[in-house]
Amino acid sequence: MVFYMDPWHNFKKIRNGIEKSSEFEKSTRTLQNGNGKILWKYWKDAYTFDQENHSLPLHHRLKPEHFDLTPALRMRNHLAEQVLNKDMLYLMKVYKSYRASQGAAHVECQDLEAVVNFLENTSKLIENFTDRRPFYSLQDMRLLTNEQCFKYFQNWENTVNSMTQISATKRNKKMLSDKARFDIYSMVVGFKQICAITFAKNPGTGIVASMSNSNLVENIFCQQRGKNGQNSNPRYSQYGPAINAICLGQTTTTTKCNSGKTEQLPFFKPSTLTKKRKYDQHE
């Protein structure tokens, strides 16, 4: 048995941790790695810079809804992915260079360097866990990259815990929550263990990381909530007819939910696969 946390929920937890990070006194998080602070305002500033200075934005998928989050928007997978992926990393690097050319304070430059380092690791995790190319070996470089990213979070935790001159409460505010850190560990180590077991028992079998998730279940739950007046805890009498309507009257796979892309649902055949044309049968 392998305990493996869903990657998409982990990406949302990481984004939620950054969203809470600010320098306000009552803020629940003020993330800091080394001398640099990882603050949500830098994401907003980079987005504003991109919109005001480029006719064609460097990160064209970013919208106000990525930053003005409501409880419903916080559940959307793509809104978390797009503020942590390689496009956001590229934009942040450009913004960092821009601020340096404008004579930004040394403290701000340190903060932006910490943000860039953070995004370098989150972007690699997202790239590997959304990759459609199968894993066939434990020597796959993507597994090594995942472990290196986990070490980044582990070193961050060790750095903060070494600050014994401040209270434990203040130390906890400088890093992601215990649950988020454990779930990252579970995601990286758990996926590798799944690969090890599968390769040992079924040689030649591949595992697609982008389909190793709970999106199909999340997809159905979203439709259940929608059919019961956004009720997250329907009674049996509500759940039964709703699941029949989903299976028979609609579909268990839809893009109108938190999980978004149907190509990343387990056991789902992507619509992008080549289809056999009628005249191919006569060739």
Protein backbone atom coordinates (compact mmCIF):
# COMPACT_ATOMS: atom_id res chain seq x y z
CA MET A 1 0.00 0.00 0.00
CA VAL A 2 1.31 3.47 -0.96
CA PHE A 3 0.08 6.74 0.53
CA TYR A 4 0.21 9.20 -2.37
CA MET A 5 -1.23 12.71 -2.14
CA ASP A 6 -2.98 14.13 -5.20
CA PRO A 7 -0.57 16.53 -7.01
CA TRP A 8 -3.28 19.03 -7.95
CA HIS A 9 -4.41 19.45 -4.36
CA ASN A 10 -0.79 19.95 -3.36
CA PHE A 11 -0.29 22.71 -5.93
CA LYS A 12 -3.37 24.46 -4.56
CA LYS A 13 -2.03 24.13 -1.00
CA ILE A 14 1.28 25.68 -2.08
CA ARG A 15 -0.52 28.55 -3.83
CA ASN A 16 -2.78 29.08 -0.80
CA GLY A 17 0.28 29.26 1.43
CA ILE A 18 1.80 31.99 -0.75
CA GLU A 19 -1.49 33.87 -0.91
CA LYS A 20 -1.47 34.16 2.88
CA SER A 21 2.12 35.40 2.91
CA SER A 22 2.48 39.12 3.62
CA GLU A 23 4.30 41.49 5.96
CA PHE A 24 1.16 42.55 7.81
CA GLU A 25 1.44 41.93 11.53
CA LYS A 26 -1.71 39.80 11.68
CA SER A 27 -0.79 37.75 8.62
CA THR A 28 -0.76 33.99 9.22
CA ARG A 29 2.31 33.55 6.96
CA THR A 30 5.39 35.60 6.13
CA LEU A 31 7.33 33.06 4.11
CA GLN A 32 11.09 33.50 4.23
CA ASN A 33 13.89 31.34 2.85
CA GLY A 34 17.31 32.61 3.87
CA ASN A 35 17.42 36.38 3.57
CA GLY A 36 14.59 36.63 1.04
CA LYS A 37 10.87 36.80 1.74
CA ILE A 38 8.38 35.03 -0.52
CA LEU A 39 5.38 37.34 -0.55
CA TRP A 40 2.15 37.21 -2.57
CA LYS A 41 2.51 40.89 -3.46
CA TYR A 42 5.41 40.08 -5.80
CA TRP A 43 3.09 37.90 -7.91
CA LYS A 44 0.62 40.77 -8.12
CA ASP A 45 3.35 43.29 -8.92
CA ALA A 46 4.76 41.07 -11.67
CA TYR A 47 1.29 40.68 -13.19
CA THR A 48 0.69 44.45 -13.09
CA PHE A 49 4.11 45.07 -14.66
CA ASP A 50 3.33 42.58 -17.44
CA GLN A 51 -0.07 44.12 -18.21
CA GLU A 52 1.16 47.72 -18.21
CA ASN A 53 4.40 47.29 -20.17
CA HIS A 54 3.73 44.66 -22.82
CA SER A 55 1.16 44.76 -25.61
CA LEU A 56 1.51 40.97 -25.76
CA PRO A 57 1.82 39.80 -22.12
CA LEU A 58 4.69 37.49 -21.27
CA HIS A 59 2.27 35.32 -19.28
CA HIS A 60 -0.87 35.61 -21.38
CA ARG A 61 -2.97 33.29 -19.22
CA LEU A 62 -2.88 35.43 -16.09
CA LYS A 63 -6.09 37.27 -15.24
CA PRO A 64 -7.38 39.20 -12.21
CA GLU A 65 -9.14 36.04 -11.02
CA HIS A 66 -5.73 34.46 -10.38
CA PHE A 67 -5.14 37.02 -7.63
CA ASP A 68 -8.61 38.08 -6.43
CA LEU A 69 -9.47 34.62 -5.17
CA THR A 70 -12.85 33.59 -3.79
CA PRO A 71 -13.54 30.26 -2.02
CA ALA A 72 -14.79 28.84 -5.33
CA LEU A 73 -11.82 30.11 -7.35
CA ARG A 74 -9.36 28.68 -4.84
CA MET A 75 -10.57 25.21 -5.83
CA ARG A 76 -9.78 25.66 -9.53
CA ASN A 77 -6.74 23.61 -10.49
CA HIS A 78 -5.57 25.79 -13.37
CA LEU A 79 -5.54 28.98 -11.29
CA ALA A 80 -2.97 27.41 -8.95
CA GLU A 81 -0.94 25.81 -11.72
CA GLN A 82 -0.58 29.01 -13.74
CA VAL A 83 0.91 31.05 -10.88
CA LEU A 84 3.50 28.34 -10.13
CA ASN A 85 4.52 27.06 -13.58
CA LYS A 86 7.39 27.89 -15.94
CA ASP A 87 5.49 30.80 -17.54
CA MET A 88 5.23 32.46 -14.14
CA LEU A 89 8.93 31.73 -13.54
CA TYR A 90 9.86 33.46 -16.80
CA LEU A 91 7.72 36.49 -16.00
CA MET A 92 9.19 36.74 -12.50
CA LYS A 93 12.74 36.61 -13.87
CA VAL A 94 11.94 39.45 -16.29
CA TYR A 95 10.30 41.46 -13.50
CA LYS A 96 13.31 40.85 -11.23
CA SER A 97 15.67 42.20 -13.92
CA TYR A 98 13.38 45.18 -14.48
CA ARG A 99 13.32 46.09 -10.79
CA ALA A 100 17.11 45.74 -10.58
CA SER A 101 17.50 48.14 -13.54
CA GLN A 102 15.19 50.60 -11.76
CA GLY A 103 17.48 50.66 -8.74
CA ALA A 104 15.27 48.61 -6.41
CA ALA A 105 16.35 48.32 -2.80
CA HIS A 106 18.69 45.48 -1.86
CA VAL A 107 16.00 43.92 0.32
CA GLU A 108 13.56 43.75 -2.58
CA CYS A 109 16.21 42.17 -4.83
CA GLN A 110 16.82 39.51 -2.18
CA ASP A 111 13.10 38.85 -1.94
CA LEU A 112 12.72 38.50 -5.71
CA GLU A 113 15.70 36.14 -5.83
CA ALA A 114 13.97 33.96 -3.22
CA VAL A 115 10.73 34.06 -5.23
CA VAL A 116 12.56 33.01 -8.41
CA ASN A 117 14.24 30.10 -6.59
CA PHE A 118 10.85 29.06 -5.24
CA LEU A 119 9.27 29.12 -8.71
CA GLU A 120 12.17 27.19 -10.23
CA ASN A 121 11.21 24.27 -8.01
CA THR A 122 7.42 24.51 -8.23
CA SER A 123 7.60 24.84 -12.03
CA LYS A 124 9.65 21.62 -12.26
CA LEU A 125 7.17 19.73 -10.08
CA ILE A 126 4.25 20.95 -12.18
CA GLU A 127 6.04 20.11 -15.42
CA ASN A 128 6.82 16.56 -14.26
CA PHE A 129 3.44 15.79 -12.71
CA THR A 130 1.55 17.09 -15.76
CA ASP A 131 3.81 15.32 -18.25
CA ARG A 132 1.96 12.94 -20.58
CA ARG A 133 5.10 10.98 -21.42
CA PRO A 134 5.16 7.71 -19.42
CA PHE A 135 7.76 6.71 -16.85
CA TYR A 136 9.40 3.36 -17.64
CA SER A 137 12.42 3.35 -15.32
CA LEU A 138 13.48 4.45 -11.85
CA GLN A 139 16.49 6.05 -13.56
CA ASP A 140 14.18 8.54 -15.27
CA MET A 141 15.67 12.01 -14.74
CA ARG A 142 12.25 13.40 -13.87
CA LEU A 143 12.19 11.31 -10.68
CA LEU A 144 15.59 12.72 -9.72
CA THR A 145 14.34 16.24 -10.44
CA ASN A 146 11.33 15.65 -8.16
CA GLU A 147 13.65 14.59 -5.33
CA GLN A 148 15.83 17.68 -5.84
CA CYS A 149 12.73 19.87 -5.59
CA PHE A 150 11.72 18.14 -2.38
CA LYS A 151 15.21 18.76 -0.98
CA TYR A 152 14.68 22.46 -1.64
CA PHE A 153 11.62 22.45 0.65
CA GLN A 154 13.47 20.29 3.17
CA ASN A 155 16.47 22.66 3.24
CA TRP A 156 14.08 25.58 3.63
CA GLU A 157 12.53 23.91 6.67
CA ASN A 158 15.97 23.19 8.16
CA THR A 159 17.07 26.79 7.63
CA VAL A 160 14.02 28.16 9.42
CA ASN A 161 14.24 25.65 12.28
CA SER A 162 17.84 26.71 12.87
CA MET A 163 16.60 30.20 13.83
CA THR A 164 16.44 29.29 17.51
CA GLN A 165 16.63 32.95 18.56
CA ILE A 166 12.95 33.40 17.63
CA SER A 167 9.88 31.59 18.96
CA ALA A 168 8.45 28.45 17.37
CA THR A 169 5.32 30.39 16.37
CA LYS A 170 7.36 32.92 14.39
CA ARG A 171 9.42 30.14 12.80
CA ASN A 172 6.26 28.39 11.60
CA LYS A 173 5.11 31.59 9.89
CA LYS A 174 8.27 31.60 7.77
CA MET A 175 7.53 28.36 5.93
CA LEU A 176 4.63 26.43 4.43
CA SER A 177 2.32 24.58 6.81
CA ASP A 178 3.28 21.20 8.26
CA LYS A 179 0.54 19.54 6.23
CA ALA A 180 1.66 21.13 2.96
CA ARG A 181 5.28 20.08 3.54
CA PHE A 182 4.27 16.52 4.44
CA ASP A 183 2.02 16.30 1.37
CA ILE A 184 4.85 17.42 -0.91
CA TYR A 185 7.00 14.65 0.58
CA SER A 186 4.17 12.15 0.13
CA MET A 187 3.66 13.22 -3.49
CA VAL A 188 7.33 12.87 -4.47
CA VAL A 189 8.18 9.72 -2.50
CA GLY A 190 4.77 8.10 -3.04
CA PHE A 191 4.88 8.45 -6.81
CA LYS A 192 8.38 6.97 -6.94
CA GLN A 193 7.22 4.01 -4.83
CA ILE A 194 4.25 3.45 -7.16
CA CYS A 195 6.69 3.39 -10.07
CA ALA A 196 9.02 0.96 -8.23
CA ILE A 197 6.21 -1.48 -7.40
CA THR A 198 4.73 -1.32 -10.89
CA PHE A 199 8.05 -1.78 -12.69
CA ALA A 200 8.96 -4.75 -10.44
CA LYS A 201 5.64 -6.58 -10.79
CA ASN A 202 4.82 -5.62 -14.39
CA PRO A 203 8.02 -5.15 -16.40
CA GLY A 204 7.56 -2.98 -19.47
CA THR A 205 4.57 -1.15 -17.98
CA GLY A 206 4.64 2.65 -18.05
CA ILE A 207 3.04 5.17 -15.70
CA VAL A 208 1.75 8.53 -16.90
CA ALA A 209 2.15 11.10 -14.11
CA SER A 210 -0.46 13.47 -15.54
CA MET A 211 -3.11 10.76 -15.10
CA SER A 212 -2.03 9.75 -11.59
CA ASN A 213 -4.48 11.93 -9.73
CA SER A 214 -7.96 12.08 -8.21
CA ASN A 215 -9.38 14.46 -10.83
CA LEU A 216 -12.05 12.00 -11.98
CA VAL A 217 -13.45 11.76 -8.44
CA GLU A 218 -13.21 15.53 -8.03
CA ASN A 219 -15.01 15.91 -11.35
CA ILE A 220 -17.95 13.82 -10.16
CA PHE A 221 -18.07 15.57 -6.77
CA CYS A 222 -18.29 18.96 -8.50
CA GLN A 223 -21.30 17.78 -10.49
CA GLN A 224 -22.85 16.33 -7.33
CA ARG A 225 -22.51 19.70 -5.59
CA GLY A 226 -23.97 21.49 -8.60
CA LYS A 227 -27.01 19.21 -8.72
CA ASN A 228 -27.70 19.65 -5.01
CA GLY A 229 -27.59 23.43 -4.75
CA GLN A 230 -23.82 23.60 -4.07
CA ASN A 231 -24.36 21.30 -1.09
CA SER A 232 -21.06 19.59 -0.23
CA ASN A 233 -22.79 17.03 2.04
CA PRO A 234 -25.83 15.66 0.19
CA ARG A 235 -28.06 13.04 1.82
CA TYR A 236 -28.41 9.56 0.34
CA SER A 237 -31.77 10.50 -1.15
CA GLN A 238 -30.06 13.39 -2.97
CA TYR A 239 -26.86 11.57 -3.94
CA GLY A 240 -28.53 8.56 -5.59
CA PRO A 241 -30.67 10.36 -8.20
CA ALA A 242 -27.85 12.84 -8.86
CA ILE A 243 -25.26 10.15 -9.64
CA ASN A 244 -27.74 8.45 -11.99
CA ALA A 245 -28.30 11.74 -13.79
CA ILE A 246 -24.54 12.28 -14.07
CA CYS A 247 -23.86 8.80 -15.46
CA LEU A 248 -26.89 8.53 -17.73
CA GLY A 249 -28.07 12.04 -18.50
CA GLN A 250 -24.71 13.82 -18.68
CA THR A 251 -21.17 12.48 -18.43
CA THR A 252 -18.69 11.70 -15.67
CA THR A 253 -16.08 13.78 -17.51
CA THR A 254 -16.61 17.48 -18.03
CA THR A 255 -14.45 20.60 -18.13
CA LYS A 256 -17.03 22.52 -16.05
CA CYS A 257 -15.44 21.62 -12.74
CA ASN A 258 -12.39 22.31 -10.59
CA SER A 259 -10.19 19.73 -12.34
CA GLY A 260 -10.60 21.36 -15.77
CA LYS A 261 -8.78 19.38 -18.49
CA THR A 262 -10.36 16.01 -19.21
CA GLU A 263 -7.11 14.71 -20.77
CA GLN A 264 -5.64 14.47 -17.27
CA LEU A 265 -8.41 12.26 -15.88
CA PRO A 266 -7.44 8.66 -15.08
CA PHE A 267 -8.87 6.01 -17.47
CA PHE A 268 -9.88 8.72 -19.95
CA LYS A 269 -8.95 8.45 -23.61
CA PRO A 270 -7.70 11.87 -24.78
CA SER A 271 -9.59 13.41 -27.67
CA THR A 272 -6.24 14.42 -29.21
CA LEU A 273 -5.43 10.83 -30.23
CA THR A 274 -5.40 10.21 -33.97
CA LYS A 275 -8.75 8.93 -35.19
CA LYS A 276 -9.07 6.41 -37.97
CA ARG A 277 -10.73 7.98 -40.99
CA LYS A 278 -13.32 6.16 -43.07
CA TYR A 279 -11.26 6.05 -46.24
CA ASP A 280 -8.32 4.49 -44.33
CA GLN A 281 -10.28 1.24 -44.24
CA HIS A 282 -10.12 0.93 -48.06
CA GLU A 283 -6.37 1.63 -48.34
